[in-house]
């Protein structure tokens, strides 16, 4: 089971930063915690990977309608 506090912290940072490298790093951390993306050290995420992480986080955190 993913740590919701951990995921929420990094998703919130990803949503608020204007720095693309920081956004990708935060999404990588949240995505690997939720096992949405592979934990391989590569935090240069594609837009599809970014969307998958945001969608999974919304579902985990109860933000999806």
PDB file of N, CA and C in Angstrom:
ATOM      1  N   UNK A   1       0.844  -1.186   0.000  1.00  0.00           N
ATOM      2  CA  UNK A   1       0.000   0.000   0.000  1.00  0.00           C
ATOM      3  C   UNK A   1       0.884   1.241   0.000  1.00  0.00           C
ATOM      4  N   UNK A   2       0.665   2.134  -0.940  1.00  0.00           N
ATOM      5  CA  UNK A   2       1.474   3.358  -1.001  1.00  0.00           C
ATOM      6  C   UNK A   2       1.228   4.257   0.217  1.00  0.00           C
ATOM      7  N   UNK A   3       2.244   4.990   0.584  1.00  0.00           N
ATOM      8  CA  UNK A   3       2.157   5.957   1.671  1.00  0.00           C
ATOM      9  C   UNK A   3       1.471   7.210   1.117  1.00  0.00           C
ATOM     10  N   UNK A   4       0.215   7.421   1.507  1.00  0.00           N
ATOM     11  CA  UNK A   4      -0.570   8.536   0.960  1.00  0.00           C
ATOM     12  C   UNK A   4       0.051   9.893   1.278  1.00  0.00           C
ATOM     13  N   UNK A   5       0.591  10.058   2.471  1.00  0.00           N
ATOM     14  CA  UNK A   5       1.208  11.339   2.837  1.00  0.00           C
ATOM     15  C   UNK A   5       2.399  11.639   1.943  1.00  0.00           C
ATOM     16  N   UNK A   6       3.211  10.619   1.678  1.00  0.00           N
ATOM     17  CA  UNK A   6       4.380  10.766   0.812  1.00  0.00           C
ATOM     18  C   UNK A   6       3.937  11.173  -0.594  1.00  0.00           C
ATOM     19  N   UNK A   7       2.967  10.444  -1.124  1.00  0.00           N
ATOM     20  CA  UNK A   7       2.475  10.722  -2.472  1.00  0.00           C
ATOM     21  C   UNK A   7       1.888  12.132  -2.544  1.00  0.00           C
ATOM     22  N   UNK A   8       1.068  12.484  -1.576  1.00  0.00           N
ATOM     23  CA  UNK A   8       0.433  13.800  -1.583  1.00  0.00           C
ATOM     24  C   UNK A   8       1.465  14.926  -1.528  1.00  0.00           C
ATOM     25  N   UNK A   9       2.494  14.753  -0.698  1.00  0.00           N
ATOM     26  CA  UNK A   9       3.543  15.774  -0.571  1.00  0.00           C
ATOM     27  C   UNK A   9       4.217  16.018  -1.924  1.00  0.00           C
ATOM     28  N   UNK A  10       4.593  14.941  -2.612  1.00  0.00           N
ATOM     29  CA  UNK A  10       5.305  15.102  -3.878  1.00  0.00           C
ATOM     30  C   UNK A  10       4.394  15.526  -5.028  1.00  0.00           C
ATOM     31  N   UNK A  11       3.148  15.092  -5.011  1.00  0.00           N
ATOM     32  CA  UNK A  11       2.203  15.533  -6.043  1.00  0.00           C
ATOM     33  C   UNK A  11       1.934  17.033  -5.897  1.00  0.00           C
ATOM     34  N   UNK A  12       1.757  17.486  -4.670  1.00  0.00           N
ATOM     35  CA  UNK A  12       1.535  18.916  -4.443  1.00  0.00           C
ATOM     36  C   UNK A  12       2.726  19.739  -4.905  1.00  0.00           C
ATOM     37  N   UNK A  13       3.944  19.254  -4.624  1.00  0.00           N
ATOM     38  CA  UNK A  13       5.143  19.966  -5.095  1.00  0.00           C
ATOM     39  C   UNK A  13       5.201  19.972  -6.614  1.00  0.00           C
ATOM     40  N   UNK A  14       4.859  18.847  -7.239  1.00  0.00           N
ATOM     41  CA  UNK A  14       4.889  18.761  -8.703  1.00  0.00           C
ATOM     42  C   UNK A  14       3.888  19.727  -9.328  1.00  0.00           C
ATOM     43  N   UNK A  15       2.747  19.885  -8.703  1.00  0.00           N
ATOM     44  CA  UNK A  15       1.706  20.775  -9.238  1.00  0.00           C
ATOM     45  C   UNK A  15       2.065  22.253  -9.079  1.00  0.00           C
ATOM     46  N   UNK A  16       2.903  22.587  -8.098  1.00  0.00           N
ATOM     47  CA  UNK A  16       3.163  23.997  -7.816  1.00  0.00           C
ATOM     48  C   UNK A  16       4.493  24.527  -8.342  1.00  0.00           C
ATOM     49  N   UNK A  17       5.416  23.648  -8.673  1.00  0.00           N
ATOM     50  CA  UNK A  17       6.721  24.128  -9.130  1.00  0.00           C
ATOM     51  C   UNK A  17       6.676  24.537 -10.605  1.00  0.00           C
ATOM     52  N   UNK A  18       7.506  25.488 -10.936  1.00  0.00           N
ATOM     53  CA  UNK A  18       7.662  25.884 -12.337  1.00  0.00           C
ATOM     54  C   UNK A  18       8.927  25.275 -12.938  1.00  0.00           C
ATOM     55  N   UNK A  19       9.697  24.587 -12.114  1.00  0.00           N
ATOM     56  CA  UNK A  19      10.940  23.957 -12.536  1.00  0.00           C
ATOM     57  C   UNK A  19      10.634  22.545 -13.047  1.00  0.00           C
ATOM     58  N   UNK A  20      10.849  22.313 -14.334  1.00  0.00           N
ATOM     59  CA  UNK A  20      10.512  21.036 -14.963  1.00  0.00           C
ATOM     60  C   UNK A  20      11.301  19.868 -14.361  1.00  0.00           C
ATOM     61  N   UNK A  21      12.563  20.090 -14.021  1.00  0.00           N
ATOM     62  CA  UNK A  21      13.376  19.024 -13.428  1.00  0.00           C
ATOM     63  C   UNK A  21      12.825  18.631 -12.057  1.00  0.00           C
ATOM     64  N   UNK A  22      12.441  19.618 -11.255  1.00  0.00           N
ATOM     65  CA  UNK A  22      11.872  19.320  -9.938  1.00  0.00           C
ATOM     66  C   UNK A  22      10.524  18.611 -10.085  1.00  0.00           C
ATOM     67  N   UNK A  23       9.721  19.061 -11.040  1.00  0.00           N
ATOM     68  CA  UNK A  23       8.415  18.429 -11.288  1.00  0.00           C
ATOM     69  C   UNK A  23       8.604  16.959 -11.626  1.00  0.00           C
ATOM     70  N   UNK A  24       9.517  16.667 -12.546  1.00  0.00           N
ATOM     71  CA  UNK A  24       9.766  15.282 -12.936  1.00  0.00           C
ATOM     72  C   UNK A  24      10.278  14.453 -11.765  1.00  0.00           C
ATOM     73  N   UNK A  25      11.151  15.028 -10.952  1.00  0.00           N
ATOM     74  CA  UNK A  25      11.682  14.300  -9.802  1.00  0.00           C
ATOM     75  C   UNK A  25      10.565  13.976  -8.810  1.00  0.00           C
ATOM     76  N   UNK A  26       9.705  14.936  -8.555  1.00  0.00           N
ATOM     77  CA  UNK A  26       8.576  14.712  -7.639  1.00  0.00           C
ATOM     78  C   UNK A  26       7.624  13.653  -8.189  1.00  0.00           C
ATOM     79  N   UNK A  27       7.330  13.724  -9.482  1.00  0.00           N
ATOM     80  CA  UNK A  27       6.446  12.735 -10.093  1.00  0.00           C
ATOM     81  C   UNK A  27       7.080  11.355 -10.103  1.00  0.00           C
ATOM     82  N   UNK A  28       8.388  11.300 -10.317  1.00  0.00           N
ATOM     83  CA  UNK A  28       9.093  10.020 -10.277  1.00  0.00           C
ATOM     84  C   UNK A  28       8.963   9.398  -8.884  1.00  0.00           C
ATOM     85  N   UNK A  29       9.183  10.190  -7.848  1.00  0.00           N
ATOM     86  CA  UNK A  29       9.087   9.687  -6.472  1.00  0.00           C
ATOM     87  C   UNK A  29       7.673   9.183  -6.168  1.00  0.00           C
ATOM     88  N   UNK A  30       6.672   9.989  -6.519  1.00  0.00           N
ATOM     89  CA  UNK A  30       5.284   9.585  -6.269  1.00  0.00           C
ATOM     90  C   UNK A  30       4.916   8.365  -7.115  1.00  0.00           C
ATOM     91  N   UNK A  31       5.330   8.375  -8.369  1.00  0.00           N
ATOM     92  CA  UNK A  31       5.001   7.273  -9.273  1.00  0.00           C
ATOM     93  C   UNK A  31       5.611   5.956  -8.873  1.00  0.00           C
ATOM     94  N   UNK A  32       6.845   5.986  -8.414  1.00  0.00           N
ATOM     95  CA  UNK A  32       7.470   4.737  -7.975  1.00  0.00           C
ATOM     96  C   UNK A  32       6.875   4.279  -6.648  1.00  0.00           C
ATOM     97  N   UNK A  33       6.498   5.192  -5.779  1.00  0.00           N
ATOM     98  CA  UNK A  33       5.845   4.834  -4.512  1.00  0.00           C
ATOM     99  C   UNK A  33       4.529   4.097  -4.788  1.00  0.00           C
ATOM    100  N   UNK A  34       3.794   4.551  -5.804  1.00  0.00           N
ATOM    101  CA  UNK A  34       2.518   3.927  -6.163  1.00  0.00           C
ATOM    102  C   UNK A  34       2.704   2.764  -7.134  1.00  0.00           C
ATOM    103  N   UNK A  35       3.936   2.535  -7.574  1.00  0.00           N
ATOM    104  CA  UNK A  35       4.280   1.489  -8.541  1.00  0.00           C
ATOM    105  C   UNK A  35       3.566   1.684  -9.882  1.00  0.00           C
ATOM    106  N   UNK A  36       3.424   2.957 -10.276  1.00  0.00           N
ATOM    107  CA  UNK A  36       2.822   3.308 -11.567  1.00  0.00           C
ATOM    108  C   UNK A  36       3.893   3.319 -12.652  1.00  0.00           C
ATOM    109  N   UNK A  37       5.107   3.691 -12.261  1.00  0.00           N
ATOM    110  CA  UNK A  37       6.234   3.700 -13.187  1.00  0.00           C
ATOM    111  C   UNK A  37       7.364   2.873 -12.585  1.00  0.00           C
ATOM    112  N   UNK A  38       8.246   2.423 -13.445  1.00  0.00           N
ATOM    113  CA  UNK A  38       9.371   1.587 -13.029  1.00  0.00           C
ATOM    114  C   UNK A  38      10.385   2.392 -12.221  1.00  0.00           C
ATOM    115  N   UNK A  39      10.874   1.781 -11.178  1.00  0.00           N
ATOM    116  CA  UNK A  39      11.907   2.399 -10.342  1.00  0.00           C
ATOM    117  C   UNK A  39      13.273   2.066 -10.942  1.00  0.00           C
ATOM    118  N   UNK A  40      13.709   2.932 -11.857  1.00  0.00           N
ATOM    119  CA  UNK A  40      14.967   2.670 -12.552  1.00  0.00           C
ATOM    120  C   UNK A  40      15.943   3.852 -12.473  1.00  0.00           C
ATOM    121  N   UNK A  41      15.584   4.874 -11.696  1.00  0.00           N
ATOM    122  CA  UNK A  41      16.454   6.031 -11.538  1.00  0.00           C
ATOM    123  C   UNK A  41      16.292   7.096 -12.609  1.00  0.00           C
ATOM    124  N   UNK A  42      15.483   6.827 -13.628  1.00  0.00           N
ATOM    125  CA  UNK A  42      15.283   7.783 -14.717  1.00  0.00           C
ATOM    126  C   UNK A  42      14.076   8.661 -14.399  1.00  0.00           C
ATOM    127  N   UNK A  43      14.349   9.899 -13.987  1.00  0.00           N
ATOM    128  CA  UNK A  43      13.238  10.797 -13.653  1.00  0.00           C
ATOM    129  C   UNK A  43      12.894  11.764 -14.792  1.00  0.00           C
ATOM    130  N   UNK A  44      13.333  11.458 -15.982  1.00  0.00           N
ATOM    131  CA  UNK A  44      12.965  12.253 -17.163  1.00  0.00           C
ATOM    132  C   UNK A  44      11.719  11.611 -17.761  1.00  0.00           C
ATOM    133  N   UNK A  45      10.563  11.995 -17.224  1.00  0.00           N
ATOM    134  CA  UNK A  45       9.314  11.344 -17.584  1.00  0.00           C
ATOM    135  C   UNK A  45       8.700  11.930 -18.850  1.00  0.00           C
ATOM    136  N   UNK A  46       8.056  11.060 -19.605  1.00  0.00           N
ATOM    137  CA  UNK A  46       7.309  11.516 -20.776  1.00  0.00           C
ATOM    138  C   UNK A  46       6.007  12.141 -20.286  1.00  0.00           C
ATOM    139  N   UNK A  47       5.335  12.855 -21.162  1.00  0.00           N
ATOM    140  CA  UNK A  47       4.057  13.457 -20.775  1.00  0.00           C
ATOM    141  C   UNK A  47       3.034  12.373 -20.428  1.00  0.00           C
ATOM    142  N   UNK A  48       3.090  11.229 -21.099  1.00  0.00           N
ATOM    143  CA  UNK A  48       2.180  10.119 -20.788  1.00  0.00           C
ATOM    144  C   UNK A  48       2.462   9.566 -19.389  1.00  0.00           C
ATOM    145  N   UNK A  49       3.737   9.443 -19.033  1.00  0.00           N
ATOM    146  CA  UNK A  49       4.091   8.983 -17.696  1.00  0.00           C
ATOM    147  C   UNK A  49       3.649   9.989 -16.634  1.00  0.00           C
ATOM    148  N   UNK A  50       3.849  11.271 -16.911  1.00  0.00           N
ATOM    149  CA  UNK A  50       3.414  12.306 -15.974  1.00  0.00           C
ATOM    150  C   UNK A  50       1.910  12.215 -15.747  1.00  0.00           C
ATOM    151  N   UNK A  51       1.135  12.098 -16.822  1.00  0.00           N
ATOM    152  CA  UNK A  51      -0.319  12.009 -16.717  1.00  0.00           C
ATOM    153  C   UNK A  51      -0.720  10.766 -15.931  1.00  0.00           C
ATOM    154  N   UNK A  52      -0.058   9.636 -16.167  1.00  0.00           N
ATOM    155  CA  UNK A  52      -0.369   8.394 -15.454  1.00  0.00           C
ATOM    156  C   UNK A  52      -0.149   8.555 -13.954  1.00  0.00           C
ATOM    157  N   UNK A  53       0.923   9.244 -13.578  1.00  0.00           N
ATOM    158  CA  UNK A  53       1.209   9.467 -12.157  1.00  0.00           C
ATOM    159  C   UNK A  53       0.156  10.390 -11.551  1.00  0.00           C
ATOM    160  N   UNK A  54      -0.163  11.490 -12.215  1.00  0.00           N
ATOM    161  CA  UNK A  54      -1.190  12.405 -11.710  1.00  0.00           C
ATOM    162  C   UNK A  54      -2.533  11.680 -11.564  1.00  0.00           C
ATOM    163  N   UNK A  55      -2.910  10.878 -12.565  1.00  0.00           N
ATOM    164  CA  UNK A  55      -4.185  10.162 -12.519  1.00  0.00           C
ATOM    165  C   UNK A  55      -4.224   9.159 -11.369  1.00  0.00           C
ATOM    166  N   UNK A  56      -3.133   8.408 -11.193  1.00  0.00           N
ATOM    167  CA  UNK A  56      -3.070   7.426 -10.108  1.00  0.00           C
ATOM    168  C   UNK A  56      -3.110   8.114  -8.745  1.00  0.00           C
ATOM    169  N   UNK A  57      -2.436   9.243  -8.640  1.00  0.00           N
ATOM    170  CA  UNK A  57      -2.432   9.988  -7.376  1.00  0.00           C
ATOM    171  C   UNK A  57      -3.824  10.539  -7.073  1.00  0.00           C
ATOM    172  N   UNK A  58      -4.507  11.059  -8.083  1.00  0.00           N
ATOM    173  CA  UNK A  58      -5.862  11.563  -7.875  1.00  0.00           C
ATOM    174  C   UNK A  58      -6.767  10.450  -7.364  1.00  0.00           C
ATOM    175  N   UNK A  59      -6.626   9.273  -7.929  1.00  0.00           N
ATOM    176  CA  UNK A  59      -7.444   8.131  -7.508  1.00  0.00           C
ATOM    177  C   UNK A  59      -7.087   7.727  -6.070  1.00  0.00           C
ATOM    178  N   UNK A  60      -5.806   7.611  -5.781  1.00  0.00           N
ATOM    179  CA  UNK A  60      -5.339   7.224  -4.443  1.00  0.00           C
ATOM    180  C   UNK A  60      -5.797   8.210  -3.382  1.00  0.00           C
ATOM    181  N   UNK A  61      -5.729   9.489  -3.712  1.00  0.00           N
ATOM    182  CA  UNK A  61      -6.034  10.547  -2.750  1.00  0.00           C
ATOM    183  C   UNK A  61      -7.515  10.936  -2.749  1.00  0.00           C
ATOM    184  N   UNK A  62      -8.309  10.247  -3.557  1.00  0.00           N
ATOM    185  CA  UNK A  62      -9.745  10.507  -3.583  1.00  0.00           C
ATOM    186  C   UNK A  62     -10.125  11.806  -4.255  1.00  0.00           C
ATOM    187  N   UNK A  63      -9.320  12.251  -5.197  1.00  0.00           N
ATOM    188  CA  UNK A  63      -9.583  13.523  -5.876  1.00  0.00           C
ATOM    189  C   UNK A  63     -10.358  13.341  -7.174  1.00  0.00           C
ATOM    190  N   UNK A  64     -10.524  12.086  -7.616  1.00  0.00           N
ATOM    191  CA  UNK A  64     -11.249  11.817  -8.863  1.00  0.00           C
ATOM    192  C   UNK A  64     -12.727  11.720  -8.561  1.00  0.00           C
ATOM    193  N   UNK A  65     -13.517  12.268  -9.458  1.00  0.00           N
ATOM    194  CA  UNK A  65     -14.972  12.218  -9.286  1.00  0.00           C
ATOM    195  C   UNK A  65     -15.527  10.937  -9.855  1.00  0.00           C
TER     196      UNK A  65
END
